[in-house]
Amino acid sequence: MFTGSRVRFYTVSGPGHGIGAVSVDGGPETRFDTYSPHHATGVLMYESPVLPHGPHTIEIRVADAKHPDARYTWV
């Protein structure tokens, strides 16, 4: 749970990274692919629309998929 008006999710991407999913306040999931050919840090993967200021929940999960070029999967 957090209090605010926007969610920004940053992560590390790389050749063995997979696909995740995020939802805010129990809404629909948005998938994001953390694969990239080279490791990178601080990569913005998700930004929510502006939310009403107040308490919110965010759920992030490992999806059941991976980028076709990924050697293996880490999320």
PDB file of N, CA and C in Angstrom:
ATOM      1  N   MET A   1       0.851  -1.169   0.000  1.00  0.00           N
ATOM      2  CA  MET A   1       0.000   0.000   0.000  1.00  0.00           C
ATOM      3  C   MET A   1       0.898   1.234   0.000  1.00  0.00           C
ATOM      4  N   PHE A   2       0.449   2.272  -0.672  1.00  0.00           N
ATOM      5  CA  PHE A   2       1.172   3.535  -0.694  1.00  0.00           C
ATOM      6  C   PHE A   2       0.160   4.682  -0.764  1.00  0.00           C
ATOM      7  N   THR A   3       0.608   5.856  -0.416  1.00  0.00           N
ATOM      8  CA  THR A   3      -0.218   7.046  -0.533  1.00  0.00           C
ATOM      9  C   THR A   3       0.436   7.955  -1.555  1.00  0.00           C
ATOM     10  N   GLY A   4      -0.311   8.367  -2.540  1.00  0.00           N
ATOM     11  CA  GLY A   4       0.231   9.215  -3.588  1.00  0.00           C
ATOM     12  C   GLY A   4      -0.742   9.345  -4.733  1.00  0.00           C
ATOM     13  N   SER A   5      -0.227   9.815  -5.885  1.00  0.00           N
ATOM     14  CA  SER A   5      -1.100  10.023  -7.035  1.00  0.00           C
ATOM     15  C   SER A   5      -0.542   9.415  -8.329  1.00  0.00           C
ATOM     16  N   ARG A   6       0.581   8.693  -8.236  1.00  0.00           N
ATOM     17  CA  ARG A   6       1.137   8.061  -9.436  1.00  0.00           C
ATOM     18  C   ARG A   6       2.083   6.944  -9.023  1.00  0.00           C
ATOM     19  N   VAL A   7       2.125   5.898  -9.845  1.00  0.00           N
ATOM     20  CA  VAL A   7       3.047   4.790  -9.644  1.00  0.00           C
ATOM     21  C   VAL A   7       4.049   4.814 -10.793  1.00  0.00           C
ATOM     22  N   ARG A   8       5.321   4.747 -10.464  1.00  0.00           N
ATOM     23  CA  ARG A   8       6.374   4.547 -11.462  1.00  0.00           C
ATOM     24  C   ARG A   8       7.190   3.353 -11.007  1.00  0.00           C
ATOM     25  N   PHE A   9       7.329   2.366 -11.882  1.00  0.00           N
ATOM     26  CA  PHE A   9       8.067   1.152 -11.558  1.00  0.00           C
ATOM     27  C   PHE A   9       9.320   1.098 -12.417  1.00  0.00           C
ATOM     28  N   TYR A  10      10.476   1.159 -11.755  1.00  0.00           N
ATOM     29  CA  TYR A  10      11.771   1.067 -12.414  1.00  0.00           C
ATOM     30  C   TYR A  10      12.388  -0.286 -12.076  1.00  0.00           C
ATOM     31  N   THR A  11      13.171  -0.833 -13.000  1.00  0.00           N
ATOM     32  CA  THR A  11      13.794  -2.133 -12.753  1.00  0.00           C
ATOM     33  C   THR A  11      15.110  -2.236 -13.510  1.00  0.00           C
ATOM     34  N   VAL A  12      15.705  -3.394 -13.428  1.00  0.00           N
ATOM     35  CA  VAL A  12      16.901  -3.745 -14.186  1.00  0.00           C
ATOM     36  C   VAL A  12      16.452  -4.620 -15.353  1.00  0.00           C
ATOM     37  N   SER A  13      16.968  -4.349 -16.539  1.00  0.00           N
ATOM     38  CA  SER A  13      16.647  -5.197 -17.680  1.00  0.00           C
ATOM     39  C   SER A  13      17.913  -5.924 -18.117  1.00  0.00           C
ATOM     40  N   GLY A  14      17.730  -7.026 -18.842  1.00  0.00           N
ATOM     41  CA  GLY A  14      18.883  -7.790 -19.286  1.00  0.00           C
ATOM     42  C   GLY A  14      18.490  -8.946 -20.180  1.00  0.00           C
ATOM     43  N   PRO A  15      19.480  -9.696 -20.677  1.00  0.00           N
ATOM     44  CA  PRO A  15      19.215 -10.763 -21.635  1.00  0.00           C
ATOM     45  C   PRO A  15      18.472 -11.965 -21.054  1.00  0.00           C
ATOM     46  N   GLY A  16      18.453 -12.134 -19.763  1.00  0.00           N
ATOM     47  CA  GLY A  16      17.748 -13.261 -19.167  1.00  0.00           C
ATOM     48  C   GLY A  16      16.528 -12.849 -18.384  1.00  0.00           C
ATOM     49  N   HIS A  17      16.054 -11.641 -18.611  1.00  0.00           N
ATOM     50  CA  HIS A  17      14.930 -11.139 -17.828  1.00  0.00           C
ATOM     51  C   HIS A  17      13.618 -11.423 -18.543  1.00  0.00           C
ATOM     52  N   GLY A  18      12.554 -11.547 -17.767  1.00  0.00           N
ATOM     53  CA  GLY A  18      11.270 -11.967 -18.308  1.00  0.00           C
ATOM     54  C   GLY A  18      10.210 -10.886 -18.308  1.00  0.00           C
ATOM     55  N   ILE A  19       8.981 -11.329 -18.321  1.00  0.00           N
ATOM     56  CA  ILE A  19       7.822 -10.446 -18.409  1.00  0.00           C
ATOM     57  C   ILE A  19       7.112 -10.427 -17.066  1.00  0.00           C
ATOM     58  N   GLY A  20       6.748  -9.251 -16.638  1.00  0.00           N
ATOM     59  CA  GLY A  20       5.997  -9.076 -15.408  1.00  0.00           C
ATOM     60  C   GLY A  20       4.666  -8.418 -15.710  1.00  0.00           C
ATOM     61  N   ALA A  21       3.859  -8.280 -14.684  1.00  0.00           N
ATOM     62  CA  ALA A  21       2.559  -7.629 -14.826  1.00  0.00           C
ATOM     63  C   ALA A  21       2.311  -6.776 -13.585  1.00  0.00           C
ATOM     64  N   VAL A  22       1.688  -5.649 -13.778  1.00  0.00           N
ATOM     65  CA  VAL A  22       1.399  -4.731 -12.677  1.00  0.00           C
ATOM     66  C   VAL A  22      -0.070  -4.333 -12.741  1.00  0.00           C
ATOM     67  N   SER A  23      -0.685  -4.198 -11.578  1.00  0.00           N
ATOM     68  CA  SER A  23      -2.042  -3.645 -11.509  1.00  0.00           C
ATOM     69  C   SER A  23      -2.111  -2.708 -10.312  1.00  0.00           C
ATOM     70  N   VAL A  24      -2.940  -1.714 -10.440  1.00  0.00           N
ATOM     71  CA  VAL A  24      -3.126  -0.710  -9.387  1.00  0.00           C
ATOM     72  C   VAL A  24      -4.570  -0.775  -8.911  1.00  0.00           C
ATOM     73  N   ASP A  25      -4.737  -0.848  -7.608  1.00  0.00           N
ATOM     74  CA  ASP A  25      -6.067  -0.853  -6.981  1.00  0.00           C
ATOM     75  C   ASP A  25      -6.970  -1.953  -7.518  1.00  0.00           C
ATOM     76  N   GLY A  26      -6.386  -3.117  -7.836  1.00  0.00           N
ATOM     77  CA  GLY A  26      -7.186  -4.248  -8.313  1.00  0.00           C
ATOM     78  C   GLY A  26      -7.684  -4.107  -9.736  1.00  0.00           C
ATOM     79  N   GLY A  27      -7.159  -3.121 -10.473  1.00  0.00           N
ATOM     80  CA  GLY A  27      -7.590  -2.899 -11.860  1.00  0.00           C
ATOM     81  C   GLY A  27      -6.940  -3.886 -12.810  1.00  0.00           C
ATOM     82  N   PRO A  28      -7.133  -3.676 -14.104  1.00  0.00           N
ATOM     83  CA  PRO A  28      -6.571  -4.588 -15.091  1.00  0.00           C
ATOM     84  C   PRO A  28      -5.041  -4.569 -15.062  1.00  0.00           C
ATOM     85  N   GLU A  29      -4.459  -5.701 -15.426  1.00  0.00           N
ATOM     86  CA  GLU A  29      -3.004  -5.805 -15.451  1.00  0.00           C
ATOM     87  C   GLU A  29      -2.428  -5.174 -16.710  1.00  0.00           C
ATOM     88  N   THR A  30      -1.237  -4.619 -16.554  1.00  0.00           N
ATOM     89  CA  THR A  30      -0.436  -4.163 -17.682  1.00  0.00           C
ATOM     90  C   THR A  30       0.850  -4.971 -17.653  1.00  0.00           C
ATOM     91  N   ARG A  31       1.180  -5.622 -18.760  1.00  0.00           N
ATOM     92  CA  ARG A  31       2.410  -6.412 -18.812  1.00  0.00           C
ATOM     93  C   ARG A  31       3.574  -5.521 -19.235  1.00  0.00           C
ATOM     94  N   PHE A  32       4.759  -5.874 -18.750  1.00  0.00           N
ATOM     95  CA  PHE A  32       5.977  -5.175 -19.144  1.00  0.00           C
ATOM     96  C   PHE A  32       7.072  -6.216 -19.355  1.00  0.00           C
ATOM     97  N   ASP A  33       7.912  -5.992 -20.353  1.00  0.00           N
ATOM     98  CA  ASP A  33       8.963  -6.928 -20.725  1.00  0.00           C
ATOM     99  C   ASP A  33      10.302  -6.370 -20.258  1.00  0.00           C
ATOM    100  N   THR A  34      10.970  -7.073 -19.352  1.00  0.00           N
ATOM    101  CA  THR A  34      12.246  -6.600 -18.818  1.00  0.00           C
ATOM    102  C   THR A  34      13.448  -7.126 -19.601  1.00  0.00           C
ATOM    103  N   TYR A  35      13.198  -7.763 -20.742  1.00  0.00           N
ATOM    104  CA  TYR A  35      14.295  -8.227 -21.592  1.00  0.00           C
ATOM    105  C   TYR A  35      14.966  -7.053 -22.291  1.00  0.00           C
ATOM    106  N   SER A  36      16.277  -7.108 -22.395  1.00  0.00           N
ATOM    107  CA  SER A  36      17.053  -6.248 -23.294  1.00  0.00           C
ATOM    108  C   SER A  36      18.348  -6.995 -23.605  1.00  0.00           C
ATOM    109  N   PRO A  37      18.976  -6.729 -24.733  1.00  0.00           N
ATOM    110  CA  PRO A  37      20.185  -7.465 -25.103  1.00  0.00           C
ATOM    111  C   PRO A  37      21.348  -7.232 -24.135  1.00  0.00           C
ATOM    112  N   HIS A  38      21.338  -6.081 -23.444  1.00  0.00           N
ATOM    113  CA  HIS A  38      22.411  -5.731 -22.508  1.00  0.00           C
ATOM    114  C   HIS A  38      21.787  -5.304 -21.181  1.00  0.00           C
ATOM    115  N   HIS A  39      22.503  -5.526 -20.099  1.00  0.00           N
ATOM    116  CA  HIS A  39      21.995  -5.112 -18.791  1.00  0.00           C
ATOM    117  C   HIS A  39      21.872  -3.599 -18.727  1.00  0.00           C
ATOM    118  N   ALA A  40      20.806  -3.136 -18.133  1.00  0.00           N
ATOM    119  CA  ALA A  40      20.582  -1.707 -17.920  1.00  0.00           C
ATOM    120  C   ALA A  40      19.887  -1.551 -16.568  1.00  0.00           C
ATOM    121  N   THR A  41      20.213  -0.513 -15.837  1.00  0.00           N
ATOM    122  CA  THR A  41      19.592  -0.262 -14.539  1.00  0.00           C
ATOM    123  C   THR A  41      18.729   0.990 -14.613  1.00  0.00           C
ATOM    124  N   GLY A  42      17.754   1.042 -13.747  1.00  0.00           N
ATOM    125  CA  GLY A  42      16.890   2.211 -13.663  1.00  0.00           C
ATOM    126  C   GLY A  42      15.991   2.403 -14.866  1.00  0.00           C
ATOM    127  N   VAL A  43      15.528   1.311 -15.468  1.00  0.00           N
ATOM    128  CA  VAL A  43      14.686   1.376 -16.659  1.00  0.00           C
ATOM    129  C   VAL A  43      13.223   1.513 -16.222  1.00  0.00           C
ATOM    130  N   LEU A  44      12.550   2.544 -16.713  1.00  0.00           N
ATOM    131  CA  LEU A  44      11.134   2.738 -16.396  1.00  0.00           C
ATOM    132  C   LEU A  44      10.314   1.722 -17.175  1.00  0.00           C
ATOM    133  N   MET A  45       9.607   0.849 -16.448  1.00  0.00           N
ATOM    134  CA  MET A  45       8.807  -0.195 -17.084  1.00  0.00           C
ATOM    135  C   MET A  45       7.313   0.120 -17.071  1.00  0.00           C
ATOM    136  N   TYR A  46       6.898   0.906 -16.094  1.00  0.00           N
ATOM    137  CA  TYR A  46       5.464   1.172 -15.979  1.00  0.00           C
ATOM    138  C   TYR A  46       5.268   2.527 -15.321  1.00  0.00           C
ATOM    139  N   GLU A  47       4.313   3.278 -15.834  1.00  0.00           N
ATOM    140  CA  GLU A  47       3.875   4.531 -15.209  1.00  0.00           C
ATOM    141  C   GLU A  47       2.356   4.567 -15.277  1.00  0.00           C
ATOM    142  N   SER A  48       1.733   4.742 -14.121  1.00  0.00           N
ATOM    143  CA  SER A  48       0.271   4.775 -14.072  1.00  0.00           C
ATOM    144  C   SER A  48      -0.244   6.115 -14.558  1.00  0.00           C
ATOM    145  N   PRO A  49      -1.516   6.178 -14.878  1.00  0.00           N
ATOM    146  CA  PRO A  49      -2.131   7.488 -15.081  1.00  0.00           C
ATOM    147  C   PRO A  49      -2.177   8.208 -13.728  1.00  0.00           C
ATOM    148  N   VAL A  50      -2.499   9.474 -13.753  1.00  0.00           N
ATOM    149  CA  VAL A  50      -2.635  10.215 -12.500  1.00  0.00           C
ATOM    150  C   VAL A  50      -3.809   9.631 -11.726  1.00  0.00           C
ATOM    151  N   LEU A  51      -3.561   9.313 -10.467  1.00  0.00           N
ATOM    152  CA  LEU A  51      -4.571   8.714  -9.586  1.00  0.00           C
ATOM    153  C   LEU A  51      -5.070   9.770  -8.616  1.00  0.00           C
ATOM    154  N   PRO A  52      -6.262   9.606  -8.073  1.00  0.00           N
ATOM    155  CA  PRO A  52      -6.703  10.522  -7.029  1.00  0.00           C
ATOM    156  C   PRO A  52      -5.743  10.410  -5.845  1.00  0.00           C
ATOM    157  N   HIS A  53      -5.343  11.520  -5.278  1.00  0.00           N
ATOM    158  CA  HIS A  53      -4.405  11.468  -4.144  1.00  0.00           C
ATOM    159  C   HIS A  53      -5.050  10.704  -2.992  1.00  0.00           C
ATOM    160  N   GLY A  54      -4.303   9.754  -2.452  1.00  0.00           N
ATOM    161  CA  GLY A  54      -4.811   8.964  -1.341  1.00  0.00           C
ATOM    162  C   GLY A  54      -4.156   7.599  -1.325  1.00  0.00           C
ATOM    163  N   PRO A  55      -4.685   6.689  -0.512  1.00  0.00           N
ATOM    164  CA  PRO A  55      -4.092   5.353  -0.414  1.00  0.00           C
ATOM    165  C   PRO A  55      -4.428   4.487  -1.627  1.00  0.00           C
ATOM    166  N   HIS A  56      -3.440   3.727  -2.085  1.00  0.00           N
ATOM    167  CA  HIS A  56      -3.589   2.840  -3.233  1.00  0.00           C
ATOM    168  C   HIS A  56      -2.804   1.561  -2.971  1.00  0.00           C
ATOM    169  N   THR A  57      -3.112   0.532  -3.739  1.00  0.00           N
ATOM    170  CA  THR A  57      -2.339  -0.706  -3.695  1.00  0.00           C
ATOM    171  C   THR A  57      -1.781  -0.992  -5.082  1.00  0.00           C
ATOM    172  N   ILE A  58      -0.595  -1.567  -5.095  1.00  0.00           N
ATOM    173  CA  ILE A  58       0.026  -1.977  -6.356  1.00  0.00           C
ATOM    174  C   ILE A  58       0.392  -3.452  -6.222  1.00  0.00           C
ATOM    175  N   GLU A  59       0.117  -4.214  -7.268  1.00  0.00           N
ATOM    176  CA  GLU A  59       0.477  -5.625  -7.297  1.00  0.00           C
ATOM    177  C   GLU A  59       1.365  -5.850  -8.510  1.00  0.00           C
ATOM    178  N   ILE A  60       2.529  -6.466  -8.278  1.00  0.00           N
ATOM    179  CA  ILE A  60       3.452  -6.801  -9.346  1.00  0.00           C
ATOM    180  C   ILE A  60       3.670  -8.302  -9.286  1.00  0.00           C
ATOM    181  N   ARG A  61       3.553  -8.966 -10.414  1.00  0.00           N
ATOM    182  CA  ARG A  61       3.724 -10.423 -10.424  1.00  0.00           C
ATOM    183  C   ARG A  61       4.558 -10.843 -11.620  1.00  0.00           C
ATOM    184  N   VAL A  62       5.117 -12.033 -11.506  1.00  0.00           N
ATOM    185  CA  VAL A  62       5.842 -12.645 -12.611  1.00  0.00           C
ATOM    186  C   VAL A  62       4.811 -13.252 -13.551  1.00  0.00           C
ATOM    187  N   ALA A  63       4.871 -12.870 -14.820  1.00  0.00           N
ATOM    188  CA  ALA A  63       3.931 -13.400 -15.803  1.00  0.00           C
ATOM    189  C   ALA A  63       4.422 -14.757 -16.298  1.00  0.00           C
ATOM    190  N   ASP A  64       3.560 -15.462 -16.955  1.00  0.00           N
ATOM    191  CA  ASP A  64       3.877 -16.807 -17.447  1.00  0.00           C
ATOM    192  C   ASP A  64       4.384 -16.768 -18.890  1.00  0.00           C
ATOM    193  N   ALA A  65       5.237 -15.786 -19.190  1.00  0.00           N
ATOM    194  CA  ALA A  65       5.750 -15.636 -20.552  1.00  0.00           C
ATOM    195  C   ALA A  65       7.140 -15.026 -20.496  1.00  0.00           C
ATOM    196  N   LYS A  66       7.874 -15.134 -21.607  1.00  0.00           N
ATOM    197  CA  LYS A  66       9.176 -14.494 -21.703  1.00  0.00           C
ATOM    198  C   LYS A  66       9.382 -13.970 -23.110  1.00  0.00           C
ATOM    199  N   HIS A  67      10.300 -13.061 -23.240  1.00  0.00           N
ATOM    200  CA  HIS A  67      10.657 -12.512 -24.547  1.00  0.00           C
ATOM    201  C   HIS A  67      11.260 -13.639 -25.385  1.00  0.00           C
ATOM    202  N   PRO A  68      10.958 -13.718 -26.683  1.00  0.00           N
ATOM    203  CA  PRO A  68      11.472 -14.817 -27.499  1.00  0.00           C
ATOM    204  C   PRO A  68      13.000 -14.876 -27.563  1.00  0.00           C
ATOM    205  N   ASP A  69      13.683 -13.760 -27.352  1.00  0.00           N
ATOM    206  CA  ASP A  69      15.150 -13.741 -27.416  1.00  0.00           C
ATOM    207  C   ASP A  69      15.814 -14.020 -26.060  1.00  0.00           C
ATOM    208  N   ALA A  70      15.018 -14.139 -24.996  1.00  0.00           N
ATOM    209  CA  ALA A  70      15.586 -14.363 -23.663  1.00  0.00           C
ATOM    210  C   ALA A  70      16.168 -15.784 -23.576  1.00  0.00           C
ATOM    211  N   ARG A  71      17.364 -15.884 -22.988  1.00  0.00           N
ATOM    212  CA  ARG A  71      18.001 -17.190 -22.828  1.00  0.00           C
ATOM    213  C   ARG A  71      17.336 -17.984 -21.726  1.00  0.00           C
ATOM    214  N   TYR A  72      16.893 -17.322 -20.696  1.00  0.00           N
ATOM    215  CA  TYR A  72      16.186 -17.886 -19.547  1.00  0.00           C
ATOM    216  C   TYR A  72      15.386 -16.735 -18.971  1.00  0.00           C
ATOM    217  N   THR A  73      14.693 -16.926 -17.891  1.00  0.00           N
ATOM    218  CA  THR A  73      13.806 -15.874 -17.425  1.00  0.00           C
ATOM    219  C   THR A  73      14.035 -15.510 -15.972  1.00  0.00           C
ATOM    220  N   TRP A  74      14.259 -14.239 -15.701  1.00  0.00           N
ATOM    221  CA  TRP A  74      14.277 -13.664 -14.347  1.00  0.00           C
ATOM    222  C   TRP A  74      13.359 -12.449 -14.361  1.00  0.00           C
ATOM    223  N   VAL A  75      12.532 -12.319 -13.359  1.00  0.00           N
ATOM    224  CA  VAL A  75      11.732 -11.102 -13.204  1.00  0.00           C
ATOM    225  C   VAL A  75      11.911 -10.618 -11.792  1.00  0.00           C
TER     226      VAL A  75
END
